[in-house]
Amino acid sequence: MKQTILGILLLASVSAQAQEKMPKHEISASYGYPTIAFAMFVDSDPSCPHAEQAFYENDRNFGPLSLEYFYRISRWISVGGVFTFINRQKDIVQGKVQIGDFTERYYALMPSIKFNWVRSKHFGLYSKLVAGPCLHTKTDKVESSTMIISCGAEHCRTTVIDHCDEYTDRKVGLIGQVTPLGIEAGDRLRVFGELGVGIQGVFNAGLRYQF
């Protein structure tokens, strides 16, 4: 009986020491798709309000690109922050001629909590909750020409002046990410993949380093 108790205490001691030696810090970079940000700030009207008979065409999207930091405060819980960046561009087309560019960007800095359901030396299962403010900017750059006709005593002169008008709109909103399932594998440097919904995307994958 005494040997059994001593064995249990020894195993508990070894487990506690191993837990203490596990890294407390982690940083990661990831890329996801698709993101809920486009749905939250969607503009259903494809026409550009800054030029007559002009429309937005040819979407080009980058992101969501996320950078994360977490600190392990207990065996099961880590806390930290997530920064996510998204860039979206379109052409402004009048007829069949491009007359400008549209740029839309999202900057989100969000506190986060991570629940480590399985945490071993080479494998992990976790869930994650993220929420915080997001700066959303939209910029239209529209090229146009102004014709000036000046007439003198003998003749008239026509001058064409080309210029670019810029229109910017900024909003701040609340956004987040709910990740029910995350899987990671490796040693200090790990590959991970996540399934969730929010600004980081339904599918999110990247590299994580623990130290």
N, C-alpha and C. Protein backbone atom coordinates (compact mmCIF):
# COMPACT_ATOMS: atom_id res chain seq x y z
N MET A 1 0.84 -1.21 0.00
CA MET A 1 0.00 0.00 0.00
C MET A 1 0.87 1.26 0.00
N LYS A 2 1.92 1.21 0.85
CA LYS A 2 2.81 2.37 0.93
C LYS A 2 3.53 2.57 -0.39
N GLN A 3 3.91 1.46 -1.04
CA GLN A 3 4.60 1.56 -2.33
C GLN A 3 3.69 2.17 -3.40
N THR A 4 2.41 1.80 -3.36
CA THR A 4 1.44 2.36 -4.32
C THR A 4 1.29 3.86 -4.13
N ILE A 5 1.16 4.29 -2.86
CA ILE A 5 1.01 5.71 -2.56
C ILE A 5 2.26 6.48 -2.99
N LEU A 6 3.44 5.92 -2.68
CA LEU A 6 4.69 6.57 -3.08
C LEU A 6 4.80 6.67 -4.60
N GLY A 7 4.33 5.62 -5.32
CA GLY A 7 4.36 5.65 -6.78
C GLY A 7 3.46 6.73 -7.34
N ILE A 8 2.28 6.89 -6.77
CA ILE A 8 1.34 7.93 -7.23
C ILE A 8 1.92 9.31 -6.98
N LEU A 9 2.51 9.51 -5.79
CA LEU A 9 3.12 10.80 -5.47
C LEU A 9 4.29 11.11 -6.40
N LEU A 10 5.07 10.09 -6.74
CA LEU A 10 6.20 10.29 -7.64
C LEU A 10 5.73 10.68 -9.04
N LEU A 11 4.70 9.99 -9.53
CA LEU A 11 4.15 10.32 -10.85
C LEU A 11 3.59 11.74 -10.88
N ALA A 12 2.90 12.12 -9.81
CA ALA A 12 2.35 13.48 -9.72
C ALA A 12 3.45 14.51 -9.71
N SER A 13 4.55 14.19 -8.99
CA SER A 13 5.68 15.12 -8.93
C SER A 13 6.33 15.29 -10.29
N VAL A 14 6.55 14.16 -10.99
CA VAL A 14 7.15 14.22 -12.34
C VAL A 14 6.26 14.99 -13.30
N SER A 15 4.93 14.74 -13.23
CA SER A 15 3.98 15.45 -14.11
C SER A 15 4.00 16.94 -13.84
N ALA A 16 4.06 17.32 -12.55
CA ALA A 16 4.09 18.75 -12.20
C ALA A 16 5.35 19.41 -12.70
N GLN A 17 6.50 18.69 -12.57
CA GLN A 17 7.76 19.25 -13.05
C GLN A 17 7.76 19.42 -14.57
N ALA A 18 7.21 18.41 -15.26
CA ALA A 18 7.13 18.49 -16.72
C ALA A 18 6.25 19.65 -17.15
N GLN A 19 5.16 19.86 -16.40
CA GLN A 19 4.26 20.96 -16.72
C GLN A 19 4.97 22.30 -16.54
N GLU A 20 5.76 22.41 -15.46
CA GLU A 20 6.46 23.66 -15.21
C GLU A 20 7.49 23.95 -16.28
N LYS A 21 8.08 22.88 -16.88
CA LYS A 21 9.11 23.06 -17.89
C LYS A 21 8.51 23.38 -19.25
N MET A 22 7.22 23.18 -19.43
CA MET A 22 6.60 23.48 -20.71
C MET A 22 6.64 24.98 -20.97
N PRO A 23 6.83 25.41 -22.22
CA PRO A 23 6.93 26.83 -22.53
C PRO A 23 5.69 27.61 -22.10
N LYS A 24 5.92 28.82 -21.60
CA LYS A 24 4.81 29.67 -21.18
C LYS A 24 4.41 30.69 -22.25
N HIS A 25 5.29 30.98 -23.18
CA HIS A 25 5.03 31.99 -24.20
C HIS A 25 4.89 31.34 -25.57
N GLU A 26 4.08 31.96 -26.43
CA GLU A 26 3.98 31.50 -27.81
C GLU A 26 3.60 32.65 -28.72
N ILE A 27 4.21 32.67 -29.89
CA ILE A 27 3.88 33.65 -30.93
C ILE A 27 3.55 32.88 -32.19
N SER A 28 2.68 33.44 -33.02
CA SER A 28 2.27 32.73 -34.23
C SER A 28 1.88 33.69 -35.33
N ALA A 29 1.95 33.20 -36.56
CA ALA A 29 1.49 33.91 -37.74
C ALA A 29 0.62 32.96 -38.55
N SER A 30 -0.52 33.46 -39.05
CA SER A 30 -1.45 32.57 -39.77
C SER A 30 -2.20 33.34 -40.85
N TYR A 31 -2.79 32.56 -41.75
CA TYR A 31 -3.58 33.10 -42.86
C TYR A 31 -4.89 32.32 -42.93
N GLY A 32 -6.01 33.04 -43.12
CA GLY A 32 -7.31 32.38 -43.10
C GLY A 32 -8.19 32.73 -44.29
N TYR A 33 -9.32 32.01 -44.38
CA TYR A 33 -10.31 32.24 -45.45
C TYR A 33 -11.52 31.35 -45.18
N PRO A 34 -12.73 31.83 -45.48
CA PRO A 34 -13.12 33.21 -45.73
C PRO A 34 -13.38 33.94 -44.41
N THR A 35 -13.44 35.25 -44.45
CA THR A 35 -13.60 36.05 -43.24
C THR A 35 -15.00 36.65 -43.16
N ILE A 36 -15.49 36.79 -41.93
CA ILE A 36 -16.81 37.39 -41.72
C ILE A 36 -16.77 38.92 -41.87
N ALA A 37 -15.58 39.49 -41.93
CA ALA A 37 -15.45 40.95 -42.01
C ALA A 37 -16.14 41.51 -43.25
N PHE A 38 -16.03 40.80 -44.38
CA PHE A 38 -16.65 41.28 -45.61
C PHE A 38 -18.18 41.29 -45.48
N ALA A 39 -18.73 40.31 -44.77
CA ALA A 39 -20.18 40.25 -44.59
C ALA A 39 -20.67 41.33 -43.62
N MET A 40 -19.86 41.64 -42.59
CA MET A 40 -20.28 42.63 -41.60
C MET A 40 -20.28 44.04 -42.17
N PHE A 41 -19.33 44.32 -43.07
CA PHE A 41 -19.23 45.66 -43.63
C PHE A 41 -19.57 45.68 -45.12
N VAL A 42 -20.45 44.79 -45.54
CA VAL A 42 -20.75 44.64 -46.95
C VAL A 42 -21.48 45.87 -47.49
N ASP A 43 -21.18 46.21 -48.74
CA ASP A 43 -21.87 47.29 -49.46
C ASP A 43 -22.51 46.64 -50.69
N SER A 44 -23.82 46.51 -50.67
CA SER A 44 -24.52 45.79 -51.73
C SER A 44 -24.61 46.58 -53.03
N ASP A 45 -24.33 47.88 -52.99
CA ASP A 45 -24.42 48.72 -54.19
C ASP A 45 -23.06 48.73 -54.89
N PRO A 46 -22.96 48.19 -56.11
CA PRO A 46 -21.67 48.13 -56.81
C PRO A 46 -21.27 49.44 -57.48
N SER A 47 -22.12 50.45 -57.44
CA SER A 47 -21.81 51.70 -58.12
C SER A 47 -20.96 52.60 -57.25
N CYS A 48 -20.06 53.33 -57.88
CA CYS A 48 -19.20 54.29 -57.18
C CYS A 48 -19.93 55.62 -57.09
N PRO A 49 -20.11 56.18 -55.88
CA PRO A 49 -20.87 57.42 -55.75
C PRO A 49 -20.11 58.68 -56.15
N HIS A 50 -18.83 58.54 -56.48
CA HIS A 50 -18.00 59.72 -56.73
C HIS A 50 -17.77 59.99 -58.22
N ALA A 51 -18.38 59.18 -59.08
CA ALA A 51 -18.28 59.40 -60.52
C ALA A 51 -19.54 58.89 -61.19
N GLU A 52 -19.98 59.59 -62.21
CA GLU A 52 -21.22 59.23 -62.89
C GLU A 52 -21.06 57.95 -63.69
N GLN A 53 -22.02 57.01 -63.51
CA GLN A 53 -22.02 55.74 -64.24
C GLN A 53 -20.71 54.95 -64.05
N ALA A 54 -20.19 54.99 -62.84
CA ALA A 54 -18.96 54.25 -62.52
C ALA A 54 -19.29 53.12 -61.55
N PHE A 55 -18.56 52.00 -61.68
CA PHE A 55 -18.84 50.81 -60.87
C PHE A 55 -17.54 50.20 -60.36
N TYR A 56 -17.70 49.45 -59.23
CA TYR A 56 -16.57 48.71 -58.67
C TYR A 56 -16.49 47.33 -59.33
N GLU A 57 -15.31 46.97 -59.81
CA GLU A 57 -15.11 45.67 -60.46
C GLU A 57 -13.74 45.09 -60.10
N ASN A 58 -13.57 43.79 -60.35
CA ASN A 58 -12.28 43.10 -60.21
C ASN A 58 -11.76 43.12 -58.77
N ASP A 59 -12.43 42.38 -57.89
CA ASP A 59 -11.99 42.27 -56.49
C ASP A 59 -10.63 41.58 -56.41
N ARG A 60 -9.76 42.12 -55.54
CA ARG A 60 -8.47 41.51 -55.23
C ARG A 60 -8.30 41.57 -53.71
N ASN A 61 -8.30 40.41 -53.06
CA ASN A 61 -8.31 40.36 -51.60
C ASN A 61 -7.03 39.75 -51.06
N PHE A 62 -6.54 40.31 -49.96
CA PHE A 62 -5.41 39.75 -49.21
C PHE A 62 -5.81 39.66 -47.75
N GLY A 63 -5.62 38.48 -47.16
CA GLY A 63 -5.96 38.32 -45.76
C GLY A 63 -7.22 37.50 -45.58
N PRO A 64 -7.51 37.23 -44.33
CA PRO A 64 -6.94 37.80 -43.11
C PRO A 64 -5.58 37.20 -42.72
N LEU A 65 -4.62 38.10 -42.46
CA LEU A 65 -3.32 37.73 -41.94
C LEU A 65 -3.30 38.08 -40.46
N SER A 66 -2.97 37.10 -39.61
CA SER A 66 -3.04 37.30 -38.16
C SER A 66 -1.69 37.05 -37.50
N LEU A 67 -1.39 37.87 -36.50
CA LEU A 67 -0.24 37.69 -35.61
C LEU A 67 -0.78 37.54 -34.19
N GLU A 68 -0.27 36.56 -33.44
CA GLU A 68 -0.80 36.28 -32.10
C GLU A 68 0.32 36.15 -31.07
N TYR A 69 -0.03 36.49 -29.84
CA TYR A 69 0.85 36.21 -28.69
C TYR A 69 -0.02 35.68 -27.55
N PHE A 70 0.43 34.60 -26.92
CA PHE A 70 -0.27 34.04 -25.77
C PHE A 70 0.71 33.74 -24.64
N TYR A 71 0.22 33.89 -23.42
CA TYR A 71 0.99 33.55 -22.22
C TYR A 71 0.18 32.56 -21.41
N ARG A 72 0.80 31.42 -21.07
CA ARG A 72 0.10 30.37 -20.32
C ARG A 72 0.05 30.72 -18.84
N ILE A 73 -1.15 30.91 -18.30
CA ILE A 73 -1.31 31.25 -16.89
C ILE A 73 -1.63 30.04 -16.04
N SER A 74 -2.05 28.95 -16.66
CA SER A 74 -2.31 27.71 -15.94
C SER A 74 -2.19 26.56 -16.93
N ARG A 75 -2.40 25.35 -16.43
CA ARG A 75 -2.31 24.15 -17.29
C ARG A 75 -3.28 24.24 -18.46
N TRP A 76 -4.47 24.82 -18.23
CA TRP A 76 -5.53 24.78 -19.23
C TRP A 76 -5.76 26.10 -19.96
N ILE A 77 -5.29 27.21 -19.42
CA ILE A 77 -5.69 28.52 -19.94
C ILE A 77 -4.47 29.36 -20.32
N SER A 78 -4.55 29.99 -21.50
CA SER A 78 -3.57 30.99 -21.94
C SER A 78 -4.33 32.26 -22.32
N VAL A 79 -3.72 33.40 -22.06
CA VAL A 79 -4.32 34.68 -22.43
C VAL A 79 -3.34 35.45 -23.30
N GLY A 80 -3.88 36.33 -24.14
CA GLY A 80 -3.01 37.09 -25.02
C GLY A 80 -3.78 38.03 -25.91
N GLY A 81 -3.22 38.28 -27.09
CA GLY A 81 -3.83 39.21 -28.02
C GLY A 81 -3.61 38.77 -29.46
N VAL A 82 -4.51 39.22 -30.33
CA VAL A 82 -4.47 38.87 -31.75
C VAL A 82 -4.58 40.15 -32.58
N PHE A 83 -3.68 40.31 -33.54
CA PHE A 83 -3.78 41.41 -34.50
C PHE A 83 -4.07 40.81 -35.88
N THR A 84 -5.12 41.30 -36.53
CA THR A 84 -5.52 40.78 -37.84
C THR A 84 -5.60 41.93 -38.84
N PHE A 85 -5.05 41.70 -40.03
CA PHE A 85 -5.03 42.69 -41.10
C PHE A 85 -5.65 42.09 -42.36
N ILE A 86 -6.51 42.89 -43.02
CA ILE A 86 -7.14 42.48 -44.28
C ILE A 86 -7.04 43.65 -45.25
N ASN A 87 -6.71 43.35 -46.50
CA ASN A 87 -6.65 44.37 -47.54
C ASN A 87 -7.50 43.93 -48.74
N ARG A 88 -8.34 44.84 -49.22
CA ARG A 88 -9.24 44.53 -50.34
C ARG A 88 -9.15 45.67 -51.35
N GLN A 89 -8.98 45.33 -52.63
CA GLN A 89 -8.87 46.34 -53.67
C GLN A 89 -9.82 46.04 -54.83
N LYS A 90 -10.30 47.12 -55.48
CA LYS A 90 -11.15 46.99 -56.65
C LYS A 90 -10.79 48.10 -57.63
N ASP A 91 -11.16 47.86 -58.90
CA ASP A 91 -11.04 48.91 -59.92
C ASP A 91 -12.33 49.72 -59.95
N ILE A 92 -12.20 51.01 -60.21
CA ILE A 92 -13.36 51.86 -60.48
C ILE A 92 -13.43 52.05 -61.99
N VAL A 93 -14.50 51.53 -62.59
CA VAL A 93 -14.60 51.47 -64.05
C VAL A 93 -15.79 52.30 -64.52
N GLN A 94 -15.54 53.09 -65.53
CA GLN A 94 -16.59 53.90 -66.16
C GLN A 94 -16.66 53.49 -67.62
N GLY A 95 -17.78 52.88 -68.00
CA GLY A 95 -17.82 52.27 -69.33
C GLY A 95 -16.92 51.05 -69.32
N LYS A 96 -15.89 51.07 -70.15
CA LYS A 96 -14.88 50.01 -70.14
C LYS A 96 -13.50 50.55 -69.75
N VAL A 97 -13.49 51.76 -69.22
CA VAL A 97 -12.23 52.43 -68.90
C VAL A 97 -12.07 52.51 -67.38
N GLN A 98 -10.90 52.11 -66.88
CA GLN A 98 -10.62 52.25 -65.45
C GLN A 98 -10.27 53.70 -65.15
N ILE A 99 -11.01 54.30 -64.23
CA ILE A 99 -10.78 55.71 -63.90
C ILE A 99 -10.31 55.89 -62.45
N GLY A 100 -10.11 54.77 -61.73
CA GLY A 100 -9.67 54.92 -60.35
C GLY A 100 -9.52 53.59 -59.64
N ASP A 101 -9.22 53.70 -58.34
CA ASP A 101 -9.00 52.53 -57.50
C ASP A 101 -9.76 52.67 -56.18
N PHE A 102 -10.21 51.53 -55.68
CA PHE A 102 -10.86 51.46 -54.38
C PHE A 102 -10.04 50.56 -53.47
N THR A 103 -9.76 51.03 -52.25
CA THR A 103 -9.00 50.25 -51.27
C THR A 103 -9.77 50.18 -49.97
N GLU A 104 -9.91 48.97 -49.44
CA GLU A 104 -10.62 48.74 -48.18
C GLU A 104 -9.68 47.96 -47.26
N ARG A 105 -9.52 48.43 -46.01
CA ARG A 105 -8.61 47.78 -45.08
C ARG A 105 -9.25 47.61 -43.71
N TYR A 106 -8.85 46.52 -43.04
CA TYR A 106 -9.31 46.22 -41.69
C TYR A 106 -8.10 46.03 -40.79
N TYR A 107 -8.11 46.72 -39.64
CA TYR A 107 -7.07 46.57 -38.64
C TYR A 107 -7.76 46.22 -37.31
N ALA A 108 -7.58 44.99 -36.85
CA ALA A 108 -8.25 44.55 -35.62
C ALA A 108 -7.20 44.15 -34.58
N LEU A 109 -7.32 44.71 -33.37
CA LEU A 109 -6.44 44.37 -32.25
C LEU A 109 -7.33 43.88 -31.13
N MET A 110 -7.24 42.55 -30.82
CA MET A 110 -8.26 41.91 -30.00
C MET A 110 -7.65 41.08 -28.87
N PRO A 111 -8.08 41.31 -27.63
CA PRO A 111 -7.71 40.38 -26.54
C PRO A 111 -8.28 39.00 -26.81
N SER A 112 -7.60 37.97 -26.26
CA SER A 112 -8.01 36.60 -26.56
C SER A 112 -7.74 35.69 -25.37
N ILE A 113 -8.53 34.61 -25.30
CA ILE A 113 -8.32 33.56 -24.31
C ILE A 113 -8.32 32.22 -25.03
N LYS A 114 -7.41 31.34 -24.61
CA LYS A 114 -7.22 30.05 -25.27
C LYS A 114 -7.35 28.94 -24.24
N PHE A 115 -8.16 27.93 -24.56
CA PHE A 115 -8.39 26.81 -23.66
C PHE A 115 -7.64 25.59 -24.21
N ASN A 116 -6.62 25.16 -23.48
CA ASN A 116 -5.76 24.06 -23.92
C ASN A 116 -6.31 22.73 -23.39
N TRP A 117 -7.09 22.04 -24.22
CA TRP A 117 -7.71 20.78 -23.78
C TRP A 117 -6.68 19.65 -23.72
N VAL A 118 -5.78 19.60 -24.69
CA VAL A 118 -4.69 18.63 -24.68
C VAL A 118 -3.40 19.40 -24.94
N ARG A 119 -2.45 19.25 -24.05
CA ARG A 119 -1.19 19.97 -24.20
C ARG A 119 -0.04 19.03 -23.85
N SER A 120 0.62 18.51 -24.87
CA SER A 120 1.76 17.62 -24.67
C SER A 120 2.98 18.22 -25.36
N LYS A 121 4.09 17.50 -25.32
CA LYS A 121 5.34 18.03 -25.86
C LYS A 121 5.28 18.21 -27.37
N HIS A 122 4.50 17.36 -28.06
CA HIS A 122 4.49 17.41 -29.52
C HIS A 122 3.10 17.56 -30.13
N PHE A 123 2.08 17.77 -29.32
CA PHE A 123 0.72 17.81 -29.87
C PHE A 123 -0.17 18.63 -28.95
N GLY A 124 -1.18 19.28 -29.54
CA GLY A 124 -2.11 20.06 -28.74
C GLY A 124 -3.48 20.18 -29.40
N LEU A 125 -4.52 20.19 -28.58
CA LEU A 125 -5.89 20.50 -29.00
C LEU A 125 -6.38 21.67 -28.16
N TYR A 126 -7.04 22.63 -28.79
CA TYR A 126 -7.45 23.81 -28.05
C TYR A 126 -8.67 24.47 -28.69
N SER A 127 -9.28 25.39 -27.93
CA SER A 127 -10.32 26.29 -28.43
C SER A 127 -9.89 27.72 -28.13
N LYS A 128 -10.52 28.68 -28.82
CA LYS A 128 -10.07 30.07 -28.68
C LYS A 128 -11.24 31.04 -28.84
N LEU A 129 -11.26 32.07 -28.02
CA LEU A 129 -12.23 33.16 -28.14
C LEU A 129 -11.48 34.48 -28.29
N VAL A 130 -11.90 35.27 -29.28
CA VAL A 130 -11.24 36.54 -29.59
C VAL A 130 -12.29 37.61 -29.80
N ALA A 131 -12.10 38.80 -29.25
CA ALA A 131 -13.04 39.91 -29.49
C ALA A 131 -12.34 41.23 -29.20
N GLY A 132 -12.62 42.23 -30.03
CA GLY A 132 -12.03 43.53 -29.81
C GLY A 132 -12.38 44.51 -30.91
N PRO A 133 -11.80 45.73 -30.87
CA PRO A 133 -12.13 46.76 -31.85
C PRO A 133 -11.46 46.53 -33.19
N CYS A 134 -12.14 47.01 -34.23
CA CYS A 134 -11.62 46.90 -35.60
C CYS A 134 -11.77 48.26 -36.30
N LEU A 135 -10.67 48.76 -36.82
CA LEU A 135 -10.71 49.98 -37.64
C LEU A 135 -10.91 49.58 -39.09
N HIS A 136 -11.98 50.12 -39.69
CA HIS A 136 -12.34 49.79 -41.07
C HIS A 136 -12.24 51.06 -41.91
N THR A 137 -11.36 51.06 -42.93
CA THR A 137 -11.17 52.24 -43.77
C THR A 137 -11.50 51.91 -45.22
N LYS A 138 -12.11 52.88 -45.92
CA LYS A 138 -12.41 52.75 -47.34
C LYS A 138 -11.93 54.02 -48.05
N THR A 139 -11.19 53.84 -49.14
CA THR A 139 -10.66 54.98 -49.88
C THR A 139 -10.94 54.82 -51.37
N ASP A 140 -11.58 55.84 -51.97
CA ASP A 140 -11.79 55.90 -53.41
C ASP A 140 -10.85 56.95 -54.00
N LYS A 141 -10.08 56.55 -54.99
CA LYS A 141 -9.25 57.48 -55.75
C LYS A 141 -9.78 57.52 -57.17
N VAL A 142 -10.31 58.69 -57.56
CA VAL A 142 -10.97 58.83 -58.86
C VAL A 142 -10.22 59.86 -59.69
N GLU A 143 -9.78 59.44 -60.87
CA GLU A 143 -9.09 60.34 -61.79
C GLU A 143 -10.12 61.02 -62.70
N SER A 144 -9.92 62.32 -62.92
CA SER A 144 -10.83 63.05 -63.79
C SER A 144 -10.08 64.17 -64.49
N SER A 145 -10.73 64.75 -65.48
CA SER A 145 -10.12 65.84 -66.25
C SER A 145 -11.07 67.02 -66.27
N THR A 146 -10.50 68.20 -66.17
CA THR A 146 -11.27 69.44 -66.25
C THR A 146 -10.84 70.22 -67.49
N MET A 147 -11.82 70.57 -68.33
CA MET A 147 -11.51 71.32 -69.55
C MET A 147 -11.81 72.80 -69.32
N ILE A 148 -10.82 73.64 -69.57
CA ILE A 148 -10.98 75.09 -69.41
C ILE A 148 -10.80 75.75 -70.78
N ILE A 149 -11.79 76.51 -71.19
CA ILE A 149 -11.73 77.21 -72.48
C ILE A 149 -11.63 78.72 -72.20
N SER A 150 -10.55 79.27 -72.66
CA SER A 150 -10.37 80.73 -72.50
C SER A 150 -10.25 81.36 -73.88
N CYS A 151 -11.01 82.43 -74.09
CA CYS A 151 -11.04 83.08 -75.40
C CYS A 151 -10.47 84.49 -75.31
N GLY A 152 -9.60 84.78 -76.25
CA GLY A 152 -9.04 86.11 -76.34
C GLY A 152 -9.65 86.87 -77.50
N ALA A 153 -8.99 87.91 -77.92
CA ALA A 153 -9.52 88.74 -78.99
C ALA A 153 -9.51 88.03 -80.33
N GLU A 154 -8.51 87.15 -80.54
CA GLU A 154 -8.36 86.52 -81.84
C GLU A 154 -8.75 85.05 -81.85
N HIS A 155 -8.51 84.33 -80.75
CA HIS A 155 -8.80 82.89 -80.77
C HIS A 155 -9.08 82.38 -79.35
N CYS A 156 -9.57 81.16 -79.29
CA CYS A 156 -9.85 80.51 -78.01
C CYS A 156 -8.82 79.41 -77.76
N ARG A 157 -8.47 79.24 -76.49
CA ARG A 157 -7.49 78.20 -76.11
C ARG A 157 -8.15 77.22 -75.15
N THR A 158 -7.93 75.94 -75.41
CA THR A 158 -8.49 74.89 -74.55
C THR A 158 -7.38 74.26 -73.71
N THR A 159 -7.60 74.19 -72.40
CA THR A 159 -6.63 73.59 -71.47
C THR A 159 -7.31 72.45 -70.73
N VAL A 160 -6.65 71.30 -70.72
CA VAL A 160 -7.17 70.14 -69.99
C VAL A 160 -6.28 69.89 -68.77
N ILE A 161 -6.90 69.88 -67.60
CA ILE A 161 -6.17 69.64 -66.35
C ILE A 161 -6.60 68.29 -65.77
N ASP A 162 -5.62 67.38 -65.62
CA ASP A 162 -5.89 66.07 -65.02
C ASP A 162 -5.64 66.13 -63.52
N HIS A 163 -6.54 65.53 -62.76
CA HIS A 163 -6.36 65.50 -61.31
C HIS A 163 -7.00 64.25 -60.73
N CYS A 164 -6.61 63.93 -59.49
CA CYS A 164 -7.12 62.74 -58.81
C CYS A 164 -7.78 63.16 -57.51
N ASP A 165 -9.04 62.82 -57.36
CA ASP A 165 -9.78 63.13 -56.14
C ASP A 165 -9.78 61.90 -55.22
N GLU A 166 -9.58 62.12 -53.92
CA GLU A 166 -9.52 61.03 -52.96
C GLU A 166 -10.61 61.21 -51.91
N TYR A 167 -11.35 60.14 -51.66
CA TYR A 167 -12.44 60.14 -50.69
C TYR A 167 -12.21 59.00 -49.70
N THR A 168 -12.12 59.32 -48.40
CA THR A 168 -11.82 58.32 -47.38
C THR A 168 -12.90 58.30 -46.31
N ASP A 169 -13.29 57.09 -45.93
CA ASP A 169 -14.28 56.90 -44.86
C ASP A 169 -13.70 55.93 -43.83
N ARG A 170 -13.84 56.26 -42.53
CA ARG A 170 -13.30 55.42 -41.46
C ARG A 170 -14.39 55.09 -40.46
N LYS A 171 -14.40 53.84 -40.01
CA LYS A 171 -15.35 53.39 -38.99
C LYS A 171 -14.62 52.49 -38.00
N VAL A 172 -15.09 52.49 -36.76
CA VAL A 172 -14.57 51.58 -35.74
C VAL A 172 -15.73 50.72 -35.25
N GLY A 173 -15.55 49.41 -35.28
CA GLY A 173 -16.59 48.48 -34.84
C GLY A 173 -16.00 47.39 -33.98
N LEU A 174 -16.87 46.54 -33.46
CA LEU A 174 -16.46 45.40 -32.64
C LEU A 174 -16.51 44.14 -33.49
N ILE A 175 -15.45 43.36 -33.42
CA ILE A 175 -15.37 42.14 -34.22
C ILE A 175 -14.65 41.07 -33.41
N GLY A 176 -14.68 39.83 -33.87
CA GLY A 176 -14.05 38.76 -33.09
C GLY A 176 -13.91 37.48 -33.87
N GLN A 177 -13.57 36.42 -33.14
CA GLN A 177 -13.39 35.10 -33.71
C GLN A 177 -13.75 34.06 -32.66
N VAL A 178 -14.54 33.06 -33.06
CA VAL A 178 -14.84 31.92 -32.21
C VAL A 178 -14.25 30.69 -32.88
N THR A 179 -13.30 30.04 -32.22
CA THR A 179 -12.61 28.87 -32.76
C THR A 179 -12.88 27.67 -31.86
N PRO A 180 -13.84 26.81 -32.21
CA PRO A 180 -14.12 25.63 -31.38
C PRO A 180 -12.99 24.61 -31.40
N LEU A 181 -12.27 24.51 -32.53
CA LEU A 181 -11.27 23.46 -32.66
C LEU A 181 -9.99 23.99 -33.28
N GLY A 182 -8.88 23.78 -32.57
CA GLY A 182 -7.56 24.07 -33.08
C GLY A 182 -6.65 22.87 -32.83
N ILE A 183 -5.82 22.53 -33.81
CA ILE A 183 -4.91 21.40 -33.70
C ILE A 183 -3.51 21.89 -34.02
N GLU A 184 -2.53 21.52 -33.18
CA GLU A 184 -1.15 21.89 -33.43
C GLU A 184 -0.25 20.68 -33.23
N ALA A 185 0.87 20.66 -33.98
CA ALA A 185 1.80 19.53 -33.89
C ALA A 185 3.21 20.04 -34.15
N GLY A 186 4.17 19.47 -33.43
CA GLY A 186 5.56 19.85 -33.57
C GLY A 186 6.24 19.94 -32.23
N ASP A 187 7.42 20.54 -32.21
CA ASP A 187 8.16 20.72 -30.96
C ASP A 187 8.01 22.17 -30.53
N ARG A 188 9.09 22.91 -30.43
CA ARG A 188 8.97 24.35 -30.15
C ARG A 188 8.31 25.08 -31.32
N LEU A 189 8.70 24.72 -32.53
CA LEU A 189 8.06 25.25 -33.73
C LEU A 189 6.96 24.28 -34.15
N ARG A 190 5.72 24.80 -34.24
CA ARG A 190 4.57 23.94 -34.53
C ARG A 190 3.78 24.44 -35.74
N VAL A 191 3.20 23.49 -36.42
CA VAL A 191 2.22 23.78 -37.47
C VAL A 191 0.83 23.65 -36.84
N PHE A 192 -0.07 24.57 -37.17
CA PHE A 192 -1.41 24.47 -36.60
C PHE A 192 -2.48 24.81 -37.63
N GLY A 193 -3.67 24.27 -37.38
CA GLY A 193 -4.84 24.57 -38.19
C GLY A 193 -6.05 24.76 -37.30
N GLU A 194 -6.96 25.65 -37.70
CA GLU A 194 -8.12 25.98 -36.88
C GLU A 194 -9.40 26.00 -37.72
N LEU A 195 -10.51 25.63 -37.08
CA LEU A 195 -11.85 25.76 -37.66
C LEU A 195 -12.64 26.71 -36.77
N GLY A 196 -13.24 27.75 -37.37
CA GLY A 196 -14.00 28.70 -36.57
C GLY A 196 -14.80 29.63 -37.44
N VAL A 197 -15.25 30.71 -36.85
CA VAL A 197 -15.99 31.74 -37.58
C VAL A 197 -15.62 33.09 -37.00
N GLY A 198 -15.39 34.06 -37.89
CA GLY A 198 -15.02 35.39 -37.44
C GLY A 198 -14.06 36.06 -38.40
N ILE A 199 -13.34 37.04 -37.90
CA ILE A 199 -12.46 37.83 -38.76
C ILE A 199 -11.26 37.04 -39.25
N GLN A 200 -10.81 36.02 -38.49
CA GLN A 200 -9.65 35.23 -38.90
C GLN A 200 -9.97 34.17 -39.93
N GLY A 201 -11.25 33.93 -40.19
CA GLY A 201 -11.63 33.00 -41.23
C GLY A 201 -12.19 31.69 -40.70
N VAL A 202 -12.93 31.00 -41.56
CA VAL A 202 -13.46 29.68 -41.22
C VAL A 202 -12.31 28.67 -41.12
N PHE A 203 -11.36 28.77 -42.06
CA PHE A 203 -10.15 27.96 -42.03
C PHE A 203 -8.97 28.89 -41.77
N ASN A 204 -8.17 28.56 -40.78
CA ASN A 204 -7.03 29.39 -40.43
C ASN A 204 -5.85 28.48 -40.13
N ALA A 205 -4.70 28.73 -40.75
CA ALA A 205 -3.54 27.86 -40.58
C ALA A 205 -2.27 28.69 -40.55
N GLY A 206 -1.24 28.16 -39.84
CA GLY A 206 0.01 28.89 -39.78
C GLY A 206 1.05 28.18 -38.96
N LEU A 207 2.05 28.96 -38.52
CA LEU A 207 3.18 28.47 -37.73
C LEU A 207 3.16 29.13 -36.36
N ARG A 208 3.55 28.35 -35.34
CA ARG A 208 3.58 28.84 -33.96
C ARG A 208 4.91 28.45 -33.32
N TYR A 209 5.49 29.39 -32.57
CA TYR A 209 6.74 29.11 -31.87
C TYR A 209 6.52 29.29 -30.38
N GLN A 210 6.94 28.31 -29.59
CA GLN A 210 6.79 28.35 -28.14
C GLN A 210 8.15 28.53 -27.47
N PHE A 211 8.17 29.33 -26.40
CA PHE A 211 9.44 29.56 -25.70
C PHE A 211 9.17 29.90 -24.23
